[in-house]
Amino acid sequence: MRKLWVIGTALAVATACSATPAPGATTTVAPTPDPANTAAAFGHEVRITSTGAVPKLLVSGVGEEVAWRNDSGAEVTVRLIDGTPPSGTLKPGDVFSHTFATAGTFAYMLGTEKDPAGAVEVLPHEPAS
């Protein structure tokens, strides 16, 4: 999984560095995104903030534990739509974790929301080289 991230990052950097601006064009350098505010990320933790889940899409692997950490000021419950038992009430600072046994995309809701707050995309294991 980390190989995919490294390859994707390398391709993005190579593409950005190889682009040649048109004569007379100005070049704008975009700021580096703050990982805490990205819409999608690789990893093992979702932060629950007062504005929702960060990241909205977490990419992980089969057999890896994913944790939801309540960084908001209120109590919240994490409910996976796949039928996994809910977390129970998470007070600020509490953590709920779940290990995904199969690949797929697993949406979840926070509290009593009717719409998904985010999703975890679980990738299959890469064959050993």
N, C-alpha and C. Protein backbone atom coordinates (compact mmCIF):
# COMPACT_ATOMS: atom_id res chain seq x y z
N MET A 1 0.83 -1.17 0.00
CA MET A 1 0.00 0.00 0.00
C MET A 1 0.88 1.25 0.00
N ARG A 2 1.91 1.23 0.81
CA ARG A 2 2.80 2.38 0.84
C ARG A 2 3.51 2.55 -0.50
N LYS A 3 3.73 1.43 -1.21
CA LYS A 3 4.34 1.50 -2.52
C LYS A 3 3.46 2.34 -3.45
N LEU A 4 2.13 2.13 -3.38
CA LEU A 4 1.21 2.89 -4.22
C LEU A 4 1.30 4.37 -3.91
N TRP A 5 1.37 4.72 -2.64
CA TRP A 5 1.46 6.12 -2.24
C TRP A 5 2.75 6.73 -2.75
N VAL A 6 3.87 6.02 -2.60
CA VAL A 6 5.17 6.53 -3.05
C VAL A 6 5.17 6.70 -4.56
N ILE A 7 4.64 5.72 -5.28
CA ILE A 7 4.59 5.80 -6.74
C ILE A 7 3.70 6.97 -7.16
N GLY A 8 2.53 7.10 -6.55
CA GLY A 8 1.62 8.19 -6.89
C GLY A 8 2.24 9.55 -6.62
N THR A 9 2.91 9.68 -5.48
CA THR A 9 3.57 10.94 -5.15
C THR A 9 4.69 11.24 -6.14
N ALA A 10 5.48 10.23 -6.46
CA ALA A 10 6.57 10.42 -7.41
C ALA A 10 6.05 10.84 -8.78
N LEU A 11 4.95 10.22 -9.23
CA LEU A 11 4.37 10.59 -10.52
C LEU A 11 3.85 12.02 -10.49
N ALA A 12 3.21 12.41 -9.41
CA ALA A 12 2.69 13.77 -9.30
C ALA A 12 3.81 14.79 -9.32
N VAL A 13 4.90 14.51 -8.61
CA VAL A 13 6.04 15.42 -8.58
C VAL A 13 6.70 15.47 -9.95
N ALA A 14 6.88 14.32 -10.58
CA ALA A 14 7.51 14.29 -11.90
C ALA A 14 6.68 15.05 -12.92
N THR A 15 5.38 14.89 -12.87
CA THR A 15 4.51 15.59 -13.81
C THR A 15 4.58 17.09 -13.58
N ALA A 16 4.53 17.49 -12.32
CA ALA A 16 4.59 18.92 -12.00
C ALA A 16 5.92 19.54 -12.40
N CYS A 17 6.99 18.80 -12.21
CA CYS A 17 8.32 19.33 -12.52
C CYS A 17 8.59 19.35 -14.02
N SER A 18 7.95 18.48 -14.79
CA SER A 18 8.24 18.41 -16.21
C SER A 18 7.38 19.36 -17.03
N ALA A 19 6.37 19.96 -16.42
CA ALA A 19 5.50 20.86 -17.16
C ALA A 19 6.27 22.13 -17.52
N THR A 20 6.17 22.53 -18.78
CA THR A 20 6.85 23.72 -19.25
C THR A 20 5.80 24.79 -19.50
N PRO A 21 5.90 25.93 -18.80
CA PRO A 21 4.91 26.97 -19.01
C PRO A 21 5.07 27.61 -20.39
N ALA A 22 3.98 28.12 -20.93
CA ALA A 22 4.02 28.81 -22.21
C ALA A 22 4.84 30.09 -22.07
N PRO A 23 5.47 30.54 -23.16
CA PRO A 23 6.26 31.78 -23.09
C PRO A 23 5.40 32.94 -22.56
N GLY A 24 5.94 33.66 -21.60
CA GLY A 24 5.25 34.80 -21.02
C GLY A 24 4.25 34.44 -19.93
N ALA A 25 4.04 33.14 -19.69
CA ALA A 25 3.10 32.73 -18.66
C ALA A 25 3.74 32.83 -17.28
N THR A 26 2.93 33.09 -16.29
CA THR A 26 3.45 33.11 -14.92
C THR A 26 3.17 31.77 -14.28
N THR A 27 4.04 31.40 -13.37
CA THR A 27 3.90 30.14 -12.68
C THR A 27 3.48 30.40 -11.25
N THR A 28 2.45 29.69 -10.80
CA THR A 28 1.98 29.81 -9.43
C THR A 28 2.28 28.51 -8.70
N VAL A 29 2.90 28.62 -7.54
CA VAL A 29 3.19 27.44 -6.74
C VAL A 29 2.10 27.30 -5.70
N ALA A 30 1.42 26.17 -5.72
CA ALA A 30 0.35 25.92 -4.76
C ALA A 30 0.94 25.58 -3.40
N PRO A 31 0.30 26.00 -2.32
CA PRO A 31 0.81 25.64 -1.00
C PRO A 31 0.66 24.14 -0.75
N THR A 32 1.53 23.62 0.07
CA THR A 32 1.45 22.21 0.44
C THR A 32 0.22 22.00 1.29
N PRO A 33 -0.63 21.01 0.93
CA PRO A 33 -1.85 20.82 1.73
C PRO A 33 -1.54 20.32 3.13
N ASP A 34 -2.35 20.74 4.06
CA ASP A 34 -2.24 20.29 5.44
C ASP A 34 -2.87 18.90 5.52
N PRO A 35 -2.08 17.84 5.88
CA PRO A 35 -2.63 16.50 5.91
C PRO A 35 -3.86 16.36 6.81
N ALA A 36 -3.98 17.20 7.81
CA ALA A 36 -5.11 17.11 8.73
C ALA A 36 -6.41 17.56 8.07
N ASN A 37 -6.32 18.28 6.95
CA ASN A 37 -7.52 18.81 6.32
C ASN A 37 -7.79 18.19 4.95
N THR A 38 -7.11 17.13 4.57
CA THR A 38 -7.30 16.54 3.27
C THR A 38 -8.58 15.72 3.21
N ALA A 39 -9.14 15.61 2.01
CA ALA A 39 -10.37 14.85 1.82
C ALA A 39 -10.10 13.35 1.83
N ALA A 40 -8.90 12.93 1.39
CA ALA A 40 -8.56 11.51 1.35
C ALA A 40 -7.11 11.34 1.80
N ALA A 41 -6.85 10.24 2.48
CA ALA A 41 -5.50 9.99 2.95
C ALA A 41 -5.29 8.51 3.21
N PHE A 42 -4.02 8.09 3.14
CA PHE A 42 -3.66 6.74 3.55
C PHE A 42 -3.42 6.79 5.05
N GLY A 43 -3.73 5.73 5.74
CA GLY A 43 -3.43 5.72 7.17
C GLY A 43 -4.31 4.79 7.95
N HIS A 44 -4.33 5.04 9.25
CA HIS A 44 -5.05 4.16 10.15
C HIS A 44 -5.93 4.92 11.14
N GLU A 45 -6.09 6.24 10.94
CA GLU A 45 -6.87 6.99 11.91
C GLU A 45 -7.73 8.05 11.24
N VAL A 46 -8.98 8.10 11.68
CA VAL A 46 -9.92 9.15 11.30
C VAL A 46 -10.12 10.02 12.54
N ARG A 47 -9.98 11.32 12.38
CA ARG A 47 -10.25 12.25 13.48
C ARG A 47 -11.67 12.76 13.34
N ILE A 48 -12.42 12.69 14.41
CA ILE A 48 -13.77 13.25 14.42
C ILE A 48 -13.66 14.63 15.03
N THR A 49 -13.93 15.65 14.23
CA THR A 49 -13.80 17.03 14.68
C THR A 49 -15.19 17.66 14.78
N SER A 50 -15.25 18.88 15.21
CA SER A 50 -16.54 19.57 15.31
C SER A 50 -17.17 19.81 13.94
N THR A 51 -16.37 19.71 12.88
CA THR A 51 -16.90 19.89 11.53
C THR A 51 -17.07 18.58 10.77
N GLY A 52 -16.78 17.45 11.39
CA GLY A 52 -16.97 16.15 10.75
C GLY A 52 -15.72 15.30 10.79
N ALA A 53 -15.69 14.30 9.91
CA ALA A 53 -14.58 13.34 9.86
C ALA A 53 -13.43 13.89 9.01
N VAL A 54 -12.21 13.66 9.47
CA VAL A 54 -11.00 14.06 8.74
C VAL A 54 -10.05 12.88 8.75
N PRO A 55 -9.69 12.31 7.62
CA PRO A 55 -10.15 12.64 6.27
C PRO A 55 -11.52 12.02 6.00
N LYS A 56 -12.16 12.48 4.95
CA LYS A 56 -13.47 11.94 4.56
C LYS A 56 -13.32 10.54 3.99
N LEU A 57 -12.21 10.28 3.31
CA LEU A 57 -11.92 8.96 2.75
C LEU A 57 -10.57 8.51 3.27
N LEU A 58 -10.55 7.42 3.99
CA LEU A 58 -9.31 6.85 4.51
C LEU A 58 -9.02 5.59 3.71
N VAL A 59 -7.80 5.44 3.22
CA VAL A 59 -7.41 4.26 2.47
C VAL A 59 -6.51 3.42 3.36
N SER A 60 -6.89 2.16 3.55
CA SER A 60 -6.15 1.25 4.41
C SER A 60 -6.06 -0.10 3.72
N GLY A 61 -5.60 -1.10 4.41
CA GLY A 61 -5.45 -2.42 3.82
C GLY A 61 -6.17 -3.50 4.62
N VAL A 62 -6.42 -4.63 3.99
CA VAL A 62 -7.06 -5.76 4.65
C VAL A 62 -6.22 -6.16 5.87
N GLY A 63 -6.88 -6.39 6.99
CA GLY A 63 -6.19 -6.82 8.20
C GLY A 63 -5.59 -5.69 9.01
N GLU A 64 -5.72 -4.46 8.54
CA GLU A 64 -5.18 -3.31 9.27
C GLU A 64 -6.27 -2.70 10.14
N GLU A 65 -5.89 -2.28 11.33
CA GLU A 65 -6.83 -1.67 12.25
C GLU A 65 -6.99 -0.19 11.91
N VAL A 66 -8.24 0.26 11.86
CA VAL A 66 -8.55 1.67 11.64
C VAL A 66 -9.19 2.20 12.91
N ALA A 67 -8.77 3.39 13.34
CA ALA A 67 -9.29 3.98 14.56
C ALA A 67 -9.99 5.30 14.26
N TRP A 68 -11.08 5.56 14.98
CA TRP A 68 -11.79 6.83 14.93
C TRP A 68 -11.54 7.49 16.28
N ARG A 69 -10.92 8.66 16.28
CA ARG A 69 -10.61 9.38 17.52
C ARG A 69 -11.51 10.60 17.63
N ASN A 70 -12.22 10.72 18.74
CA ASN A 70 -13.14 11.83 18.94
C ASN A 70 -12.36 13.06 19.42
N ASP A 71 -12.09 13.97 18.48
CA ASP A 71 -11.42 15.23 18.80
C ASP A 71 -12.42 16.38 18.87
N SER A 72 -13.71 16.07 18.84
CA SER A 72 -14.72 17.12 18.94
C SER A 72 -15.00 17.39 20.42
N GLY A 73 -15.79 18.36 20.68
CA GLY A 73 -16.14 18.68 22.06
C GLY A 73 -17.42 17.99 22.53
N ALA A 74 -17.96 17.10 21.69
CA ALA A 74 -19.23 16.45 22.02
C ALA A 74 -19.09 14.93 21.96
N GLU A 75 -20.05 14.24 22.56
CA GLU A 75 -20.07 12.79 22.46
C GLU A 75 -20.57 12.40 21.08
N VAL A 76 -20.09 11.28 20.56
CA VAL A 76 -20.47 10.82 19.22
C VAL A 76 -20.42 9.30 19.17
N THR A 77 -21.16 8.73 18.24
CA THR A 77 -21.15 7.29 17.99
C THR A 77 -20.76 7.06 16.54
N VAL A 78 -19.86 6.09 16.29
CA VAL A 78 -19.49 5.72 14.92
C VAL A 78 -20.31 4.49 14.55
N ARG A 79 -21.00 4.57 13.40
CA ARG A 79 -21.82 3.46 12.93
C ARG A 79 -21.41 3.09 11.51
N LEU A 80 -20.75 1.94 11.35
CA LEU A 80 -20.41 1.44 10.02
C LEU A 80 -21.67 0.91 9.37
N ILE A 81 -21.86 1.21 8.11
CA ILE A 81 -23.07 0.82 7.40
C ILE A 81 -23.09 -0.68 7.08
N ASP A 82 -21.94 -1.35 7.19
CA ASP A 82 -21.88 -2.78 6.84
C ASP A 82 -22.47 -3.70 7.90
N GLY A 83 -22.98 -3.15 9.00
CA GLY A 83 -23.58 -3.99 10.03
C GLY A 83 -22.67 -4.26 11.22
N THR A 84 -21.44 -3.76 11.19
CA THR A 84 -20.55 -3.87 12.34
C THR A 84 -21.23 -3.19 13.53
N PRO A 85 -21.17 -3.79 14.72
CA PRO A 85 -21.78 -3.12 15.88
C PRO A 85 -21.22 -1.71 16.06
N PRO A 86 -22.08 -0.75 16.42
CA PRO A 86 -21.61 0.63 16.60
C PRO A 86 -20.62 0.75 17.74
N SER A 87 -19.94 1.87 17.74
CA SER A 87 -18.87 2.11 18.72
C SER A 87 -19.38 2.27 20.14
N GLY A 88 -20.62 2.64 20.30
CA GLY A 88 -21.08 3.09 21.61
C GLY A 88 -20.72 4.56 21.73
N THR A 89 -21.05 5.19 22.80
CA THR A 89 -20.80 6.61 22.97
C THR A 89 -19.31 6.88 23.17
N LEU A 90 -18.75 7.69 22.29
CA LEU A 90 -17.35 8.11 22.42
C LEU A 90 -17.33 9.51 23.00
N LYS A 91 -16.76 9.66 24.18
CA LYS A 91 -16.58 10.98 24.77
C LYS A 91 -15.37 11.63 24.11
N PRO A 92 -15.23 12.95 24.22
CA PRO A 92 -14.04 13.59 23.64
C PRO A 92 -12.77 12.90 24.14
N GLY A 93 -11.91 12.55 23.19
CA GLY A 93 -10.66 11.87 23.50
C GLY A 93 -10.73 10.36 23.37
N ASP A 94 -11.94 9.79 23.35
CA ASP A 94 -12.10 8.33 23.21
C ASP A 94 -11.79 7.88 21.79
N VAL A 95 -11.44 6.59 21.67
CA VAL A 95 -11.10 5.99 20.38
C VAL A 95 -11.89 4.71 20.18
N PHE A 96 -12.40 4.53 18.96
CA PHE A 96 -13.06 3.29 18.54
C PHE A 96 -12.23 2.73 17.40
N SER A 97 -11.93 1.42 17.44
CA SER A 97 -11.15 0.85 16.35
C SER A 97 -11.83 -0.41 15.81
N HIS A 98 -11.51 -0.68 14.54
CA HIS A 98 -12.09 -1.84 13.85
C HIS A 98 -11.06 -2.34 12.85
N THR A 99 -10.92 -3.66 12.75
CA THR A 99 -10.02 -4.27 11.77
C THR A 99 -10.87 -4.84 10.65
N PHE A 100 -10.57 -4.41 9.42
CA PHE A 100 -11.33 -4.84 8.26
C PHE A 100 -10.72 -6.13 7.71
N ALA A 101 -11.55 -7.16 7.58
CA ALA A 101 -11.09 -8.48 7.13
C ALA A 101 -11.19 -8.66 5.62
N THR A 102 -11.96 -7.80 4.96
CA THR A 102 -12.13 -7.93 3.51
C THR A 102 -11.91 -6.59 2.83
N ALA A 103 -11.56 -6.65 1.55
CA ALA A 103 -11.39 -5.44 0.76
C ALA A 103 -12.75 -4.87 0.40
N GLY A 104 -12.80 -3.58 0.19
CA GLY A 104 -14.04 -2.92 -0.22
C GLY A 104 -14.08 -1.51 0.31
N THR A 105 -15.17 -0.84 0.06
CA THR A 105 -15.37 0.52 0.56
C THR A 105 -16.47 0.47 1.61
N PHE A 106 -16.17 0.95 2.80
CA PHE A 106 -17.06 0.86 3.94
C PHE A 106 -17.42 2.26 4.43
N ALA A 107 -18.67 2.65 4.20
CA ALA A 107 -19.15 3.95 4.64
C ALA A 107 -19.50 3.89 6.13
N TYR A 108 -19.46 5.05 6.77
CA TYR A 108 -19.85 5.12 8.18
C TYR A 108 -20.58 6.43 8.44
N MET A 109 -21.37 6.43 9.51
CA MET A 109 -22.10 7.61 9.93
C MET A 109 -21.66 7.98 11.34
N LEU A 110 -21.84 9.23 11.68
CA LEU A 110 -21.53 9.72 13.02
C LEU A 110 -22.83 10.10 13.71
N GLY A 111 -23.00 9.62 14.92
CA GLY A 111 -24.20 9.95 15.69
C GLY A 111 -25.46 9.45 15.01
N THR A 112 -26.45 10.32 14.95
CA THR A 112 -27.73 9.94 14.37
C THR A 112 -27.89 10.42 12.94
N GLU A 113 -26.80 10.86 12.33
CA GLU A 113 -26.86 11.33 10.94
C GLU A 113 -27.42 10.25 10.03
N LYS A 114 -28.13 10.66 9.01
CA LYS A 114 -28.69 9.72 8.03
C LYS A 114 -27.76 9.54 6.83
N ASP A 115 -26.88 10.51 6.61
CA ASP A 115 -25.95 10.44 5.48
C ASP A 115 -24.56 10.03 5.98
N PRO A 116 -23.82 9.30 5.17
CA PRO A 116 -22.46 8.91 5.57
C PRO A 116 -21.58 10.13 5.85
N ALA A 117 -20.77 10.03 6.90
CA ALA A 117 -19.82 11.09 7.24
C ALA A 117 -18.51 10.88 6.52
N GLY A 118 -18.26 9.64 6.07
CA GLY A 118 -17.02 9.32 5.39
C GLY A 118 -17.00 7.85 5.03
N ALA A 119 -15.84 7.40 4.55
CA ALA A 119 -15.70 6.00 4.16
C ALA A 119 -14.26 5.54 4.34
N VAL A 120 -14.10 4.25 4.49
CA VAL A 120 -12.78 3.63 4.55
C VAL A 120 -12.69 2.71 3.33
N GLU A 121 -11.71 2.96 2.49
CA GLU A 121 -11.47 2.07 1.35
C GLU A 121 -10.38 1.10 1.75
N VAL A 122 -10.72 -0.18 1.79
CA VAL A 122 -9.79 -1.21 2.23
C VAL A 122 -9.26 -1.93 0.99
N LEU A 123 -7.95 -1.84 0.79
CA LEU A 123 -7.32 -2.44 -0.37
C LEU A 123 -6.87 -3.87 -0.06
N PRO A 124 -6.91 -4.75 -1.06
CA PRO A 124 -6.40 -6.11 -0.83
C PRO A 124 -4.90 -6.08 -0.65
N HIS A 125 -4.36 -7.14 -0.06
CA HIS A 125 -2.91 -7.25 0.11
C HIS A 125 -2.24 -7.36 -1.25
N GLU A 126 -1.07 -6.74 -1.36
CA GLU A 126 -0.27 -6.90 -2.59
C GLU A 126 0.48 -8.22 -2.48
N PRO A 127 0.57 -8.95 -3.59
CA PRO A 127 1.34 -10.19 -3.54
C PRO A 127 2.82 -9.89 -3.26
N ALA A 128 3.46 -10.75 -2.51
CA ALA A 128 4.89 -10.57 -2.21
C ALA A 128 5.69 -10.69 -3.47
N SER A 129 6.71 -9.85 -3.58
CA SER A 129 7.57 -9.88 -4.77
C SER A 129 8.73 -10.80 -4.57
